[in-house]
Amino acid sequence: MASSRDVEEPTREYPEVDDQVATRPAPSVDDPAGQDPAPAGDRKPGLGGFARVVIFTGVVFALIVAMCLGLRAINVLPSFDNPFSDKTTDRSQPVLLQSMRDLSRYVAADGTFQVIVDLQENKENIPEFLVNKRTLFVGSGTVEEYVDFGTLTEGALKVNNADKSVQIELPAPQQGQAALDMERSYVVAEERGLLNRIGGAFSNDPNQQQRVYQLAQQRITEAARSSGLDQRARDNTEKMLTGLLASLGYTSVTVTFATP
């Protein structure tokens, strides 16, 4: 008969069973080999269906754009205007004729001048950074010198058919006002004080630019008087009349000008 010690002692014919092995779940249908599933942190994330659709759409769109640009480069596709390009609308009214006159003047010479106008308006005893208006303007204009044949007196033309001679007494050449060329005139710089800037936000002074134009026109007109245009107009008028009367058979032509 076996003793109690022999009954309580485990049999030595079979090894002891590990607790972890005993608690391992049985193989399932999805994992017939009985392998442990990989931890969640070790799984490789895959692209979802929506992400693949987005990538495919982007690739197709890029190919279409590249194809259109290529066809446009070889002039296969027509050009398309920019739908957001600048648009200029001219709502000007029709030109109104105010007056008309007959001219009998001969423009004998003209000159083109350029002047730099530096016009500044400020207040005494007030700093310029507060109150100041300064405009730097480059003006280009043309001045004409002409002879008005409409003012000839009754005895101004003396013709002698016997010796084929002509004597003409003309009025002195006159100088016109300077005409500014706005395509060649421009504002270089414009400075305004702090108070002028604040006031300009509420009201604008359109006469400021007009004063600059008038000053440039005045300076050019004054400069033309001492530029030699008067003598050039006299010489050109005399050459014109001499050639005209010589073609009519007159051999001696004398042109004189009245004292201005």
Protein backbone atom coordinates (compact mmCIF):
# COMPACT_ATOMS: atom_id res chain seq x y z
CA MET A 1 0.00 0.00 0.00
CA ALA A 2 1.37 3.32 -0.96
CA SER A 3 2.01 5.90 1.62
CA SER A 4 0.51 9.39 1.65
CA ARG A 5 3.85 10.86 0.71
CA ASP A 6 3.94 8.87 -2.42
CA VAL A 7 0.43 9.95 -3.44
CA GLU A 8 0.96 13.71 -3.01
CA GLU A 9 4.27 13.76 -4.95
CA PRO A 10 3.76 14.27 -8.68
CA THR A 11 4.51 11.40 -10.88
CA ARG A 12 7.85 11.44 -12.54
CA GLU A 13 6.73 9.68 -15.67
CA TYR A 14 5.35 12.98 -17.28
CA PRO A 15 7.01 16.42 -17.15
CA GLU A 16 5.32 19.31 -15.55
CA VAL A 17 3.12 21.43 -17.86
CA ASP A 18 4.04 25.13 -18.22
CA ASP A 19 1.26 27.49 -17.22
CA GLN A 20 1.80 29.75 -20.30
CA VAL A 21 1.60 26.81 -22.64
CA ALA A 22 -1.51 25.60 -20.93
CA THR A 23 -3.24 28.98 -21.26
CA ARG A 24 -2.31 29.54 -24.97
CA PRO A 25 -5.49 29.66 -27.07
CA ALA A 26 -6.20 26.97 -29.51
CA PRO A 27 -5.47 27.52 -33.20
CA SER A 28 -8.31 29.21 -35.00
CA VAL A 29 -9.48 28.92 -38.55
CA ASP A 30 -7.76 32.24 -39.55
CA ASP A 31 -4.49 31.15 -37.99
CA PRO A 32 -4.23 27.36 -38.55
CA ALA A 33 -0.56 27.31 -37.70
CA GLY A 34 -1.27 28.54 -34.25
CA GLN A 35 1.15 31.50 -34.58
CA ASP A 36 0.81 34.50 -32.37
CA PRO A 37 -0.72 37.53 -34.13
CA ALA A 38 1.68 40.42 -34.61
CA PRO A 39 1.38 43.24 -32.11
CA ALA A 40 -0.71 46.19 -33.19
CA GLY A 41 2.32 48.52 -33.15
CA ASP A 42 4.25 46.30 -35.61
CA ARG A 43 1.54 46.22 -38.31
CA LYS A 44 2.29 48.22 -41.51
CA PRO A 45 -0.48 50.72 -42.25
CA GLY A 46 -1.98 50.39 -45.72
CA LEU A 47 -3.62 53.03 -47.98
CA GLY A 48 -7.33 53.22 -47.69
CA GLY A 49 -9.68 53.24 -50.64
CA PHE A 50 -10.34 57.00 -50.41
CA ALA A 51 -6.62 57.84 -50.39
CA ARG A 52 -6.01 55.73 -53.49
CA VAL A 53 -8.86 57.53 -55.30
CA VAL A 54 -7.44 60.94 -54.40
CA ILE A 55 -3.94 60.01 -55.58
CA PHE A 56 -5.29 58.56 -58.82
CA THR A 57 -7.37 61.67 -59.48
CA GLY A 58 -4.38 63.95 -58.85
CA VAL A 59 -2.18 61.98 -61.22
CA VAL A 60 -4.83 62.05 -63.96
CA PHE A 61 -5.36 65.79 -63.51
CA ALA A 62 -1.61 66.46 -63.69
CA LEU A 63 -1.35 64.44 -66.89
CA ILE A 64 -4.24 66.36 -68.46
CA VAL A 65 -2.69 69.73 -67.56
CA ALA A 66 0.70 68.67 -68.90
CA MET A 67 -0.89 67.45 -72.13
CA CYS A 68 -2.81 70.72 -72.59
CA LEU A 69 0.34 72.79 -72.00
CA GLY A 70 2.24 70.66 -74.47
CA LEU A 71 -0.46 71.04 -77.13
CA ARG A 72 -0.60 74.79 -76.47
CA ALA A 73 3.17 75.05 -76.86
CA ILE A 74 3.03 73.55 -80.36
CA ASN A 75 0.04 75.80 -81.27
CA VAL A 76 -2.43 72.94 -81.49
CA LEU A 77 -4.84 74.41 -78.94
CA PRO A 78 -6.09 78.00 -79.27
CA SER A 79 -5.05 80.59 -76.71
CA PHE A 80 -7.45 81.51 -73.93
CA ASP A 81 -7.77 85.01 -72.51
CA ASN A 82 -7.33 85.65 -68.82
CA PRO A 83 -10.86 85.80 -67.31
CA PHE A 84 -9.56 88.22 -64.63
CA SER A 85 -7.64 90.56 -66.94
CA ASP A 86 -7.92 94.34 -66.60
CA LYS A 87 -10.77 96.00 -68.45
CA THR A 88 -10.84 99.65 -69.52
CA THR A 89 -14.15 101.32 -70.32
CA ASP A 90 -14.16 104.63 -72.18
CA ARG A 91 -17.29 106.64 -71.38
CA SER A 92 -16.05 109.90 -72.84
CA GLN A 93 -18.57 112.19 -74.46
CA PRO A 94 -18.37 113.21 -78.15
CA VAL A 95 -16.03 116.05 -79.03
CA LEU A 96 -17.76 119.44 -79.13
CA LEU A 97 -16.55 122.02 -81.68
CA GLN A 98 -16.44 125.37 -79.93
CA SER A 99 -14.93 127.65 -82.58
CA MET A 100 -13.20 127.68 -85.93
CA ARG A 101 -10.99 130.33 -87.55
CA ASP A 102 -8.98 130.77 -90.71
CA LEU A 103 -5.22 131.05 -90.31
CA SER A 104 -2.86 132.71 -92.71
CA ARG A 105 0.29 132.15 -90.71
CA TYR A 106 3.43 130.50 -91.94
CA VAL A 107 5.20 128.45 -89.27
CA ALA A 108 8.81 129.16 -90.07
CA ALA A 109 10.53 127.41 -87.14
CA ASP A 110 9.87 125.59 -83.92
CA GLY A 111 11.93 124.38 -81.00
CA THR A 112 11.58 121.61 -78.44
CA PHE A 113 12.58 122.43 -74.87
CA GLN A 114 12.77 120.59 -71.58
CA VAL A 115 12.53 122.12 -68.13
CA ILE A 116 12.69 120.73 -64.59
CA VAL A 117 10.16 122.36 -62.29
CA ASP A 118 10.69 122.08 -58.53
CA LEU A 119 7.62 123.67 -56.95
CA GLN A 120 7.29 123.75 -53.17
CA GLU A 121 4.52 125.25 -51.03
CA ASN A 122 4.89 125.36 -47.25
CA LYS A 123 4.13 127.56 -44.26
CA GLU A 124 6.58 129.78 -42.47
CA ASN A 125 7.61 128.78 -38.95
CA ILE A 126 5.99 125.35 -39.43
CA PRO A 127 8.18 122.26 -39.94
CA GLU A 128 8.08 120.82 -43.43
CA PHE A 129 7.23 117.33 -42.18
CA LEU A 130 3.89 118.75 -41.01
CA VAL A 131 2.89 121.13 -43.82
CA ASN A 132 4.64 120.77 -47.16
CA LYS A 133 3.76 120.36 -50.82
CA ARG A 134 6.67 119.73 -53.16
CA THR A 135 6.51 118.45 -56.73
CA LEU A 136 9.45 117.66 -59.00
CA PHE A 137 8.24 117.73 -62.60
CA VAL A 138 10.04 117.27 -65.93
CA GLY A 139 8.25 119.15 -68.69
CA SER A 140 8.88 118.84 -72.42
CA GLY A 141 7.23 121.26 -74.82
CA THR A 142 7.38 122.77 -78.30
CA VAL A 143 7.31 126.45 -79.23
CA GLU A 144 6.44 127.66 -82.74
CA GLU A 145 7.70 130.81 -84.45
CA TYR A 146 5.44 132.00 -87.27
CA VAL A 147 4.81 134.90 -89.67
CA ASP A 148 1.21 136.04 -90.02
CA PHE A 149 0.58 136.94 -93.68
CA GLY A 150 -2.94 138.01 -92.80
CA THR A 151 -1.60 141.27 -91.35
CA LEU A 152 0.13 142.45 -94.54
CA THR A 153 -0.52 146.12 -95.31
CA GLU A 154 -1.60 147.44 -98.70
CA GLY A 155 1.84 148.57 -99.83
CA ALA A 156 3.76 145.60 -98.44
CA LEU A 157 4.23 143.96 -101.87
CA LYS A 158 6.01 145.89 -104.67
CA VAL A 159 6.43 144.15 -108.00
CA ASN A 160 8.52 145.46 -110.93
CA ASN A 161 7.86 143.39 -114.03
CA ALA A 162 10.42 145.33 -116.07
CA ASP A 163 13.46 144.07 -114.22
CA LYS A 164 11.68 141.05 -112.65
CA SER A 165 12.15 142.25 -109.08
CA VAL A 166 9.92 141.97 -105.99
CA GLN A 167 10.11 143.75 -102.67
CA ILE A 168 8.13 142.34 -99.72
CA GLU A 169 7.78 143.88 -96.28
CA LEU A 170 6.53 141.34 -93.76
CA PRO A 171 5.43 141.68 -90.14
CA ALA A 172 7.86 140.58 -87.49
CA PRO A 173 7.77 136.88 -86.60
CA GLN A 174 5.64 135.99 -83.61
CA GLN A 175 6.14 133.34 -81.02
CA GLY A 176 3.37 131.03 -79.91
CA GLN A 177 2.74 129.61 -76.47
CA ALA A 178 4.59 126.48 -75.46
CA ALA A 179 2.61 123.27 -75.97
CA LEU A 180 3.49 120.57 -73.43
CA ASP A 181 4.07 117.07 -74.74
CA MET A 182 2.38 114.92 -72.09
CA GLU A 183 3.97 111.74 -73.44
CA ARG A 184 7.42 113.13 -72.59
CA SER A 185 6.45 115.06 -69.45
CA TYR A 186 6.25 113.27 -66.12
CA VAL A 187 6.34 113.76 -62.35
CA VAL A 188 9.63 112.60 -60.85
CA ALA A 189 8.77 112.90 -57.16
CA GLU A 190 6.10 114.31 -54.92
CA GLU A 191 6.43 115.09 -51.22
CA ARG A 192 3.70 115.99 -48.75
CA GLY A 193 3.71 116.78 -45.07
CA LEU A 194 1.85 114.80 -42.45
CA LEU A 195 -1.06 117.23 -42.28
CA ASN A 196 -1.20 117.42 -46.07
CA ARG A 197 -1.46 113.65 -46.25
CA ILE A 198 -4.28 113.62 -43.71
CA GLY A 199 -6.08 116.40 -45.57
CA GLY A 200 -5.54 114.64 -48.88
CA ALA A 201 -7.43 111.63 -47.57
CA PHE A 202 -10.58 113.76 -47.34
CA SER A 203 -10.09 116.24 -50.18
CA ASN A 204 -7.87 116.43 -53.24
CA ASP A 205 -6.42 119.54 -54.86
CA PRO A 206 -6.52 119.07 -58.64
CA ASN A 207 -5.15 122.57 -59.17
CA GLN A 208 -1.77 121.62 -57.70
CA GLN A 209 -0.81 119.63 -60.79
CA GLN A 210 -2.30 122.30 -63.04
CA ARG A 211 -0.03 124.94 -61.46
CA VAL A 212 2.99 122.79 -62.19
CA TYR A 213 1.96 122.49 -65.85
CA GLN A 214 1.44 126.23 -66.16
CA LEU A 215 4.81 127.00 -64.59
CA ALA A 216 6.57 124.58 -66.96
CA GLN A 217 4.79 126.14 -69.94
CA GLN A 218 5.77 129.62 -68.81
CA ARG A 219 9.43 128.68 -68.32
CA ILE A 220 9.65 127.08 -71.77
CA THR A 221 8.00 130.09 -73.44
CA GLU A 222 10.47 132.46 -71.78
CA ALA A 223 13.43 130.29 -72.74
CA ALA A 224 12.34 130.23 -76.39
CA ARG A 225 12.59 134.03 -76.69
CA SER A 226 16.34 133.93 -76.23
CA SER A 227 16.98 130.72 -78.14
CA GLY A 228 17.41 132.20 -81.64
CA LEU A 229 14.06 130.99 -82.98
CA ASP A 230 13.22 134.52 -84.19
CA GLN A 231 16.23 134.75 -86.50
CA ARG A 232 15.72 131.22 -87.77
CA ALA A 233 12.12 132.09 -88.63
CA ARG A 234 13.27 135.14 -90.59
CA ASP A 235 15.81 133.15 -92.58
CA ASN A 236 13.38 130.33 -93.36
CA THR A 237 10.64 132.74 -94.45
CA GLU A 238 13.01 134.58 -96.77
CA LYS A 239 14.20 131.33 -98.34
CA MET A 240 10.64 130.14 -98.84
CA LEU A 241 9.52 133.37 -100.60
CA THR A 242 12.67 133.62 -102.69
CA GLY A 243 12.23 130.10 -104.00
CA LEU A 244 8.51 130.61 -104.64
CA LEU A 245 8.94 133.86 -106.59
CA ALA A 246 11.97 132.55 -108.47
CA SER A 247 9.82 129.73 -109.80
CA LEU A 248 7.48 132.44 -111.17
CA GLY A 249 10.30 134.09 -113.10
CA TYR A 250 11.42 136.83 -110.72
CA THR A 251 15.18 137.15 -110.47
CA SER A 252 15.46 139.63 -107.61
CA VAL A 253 13.52 139.12 -104.37
CA THR A 254 14.00 141.38 -101.36
CA VAL A 255 12.34 140.44 -98.05
CA THR A 256 12.28 142.79 -95.08
CA PHE A 257 10.59 142.51 -91.70
CA ALA A 258 8.88 145.20 -89.70
CA THR A 259 10.20 146.22 -86.33
CA PRO A 260 8.38 144.30 -83.58
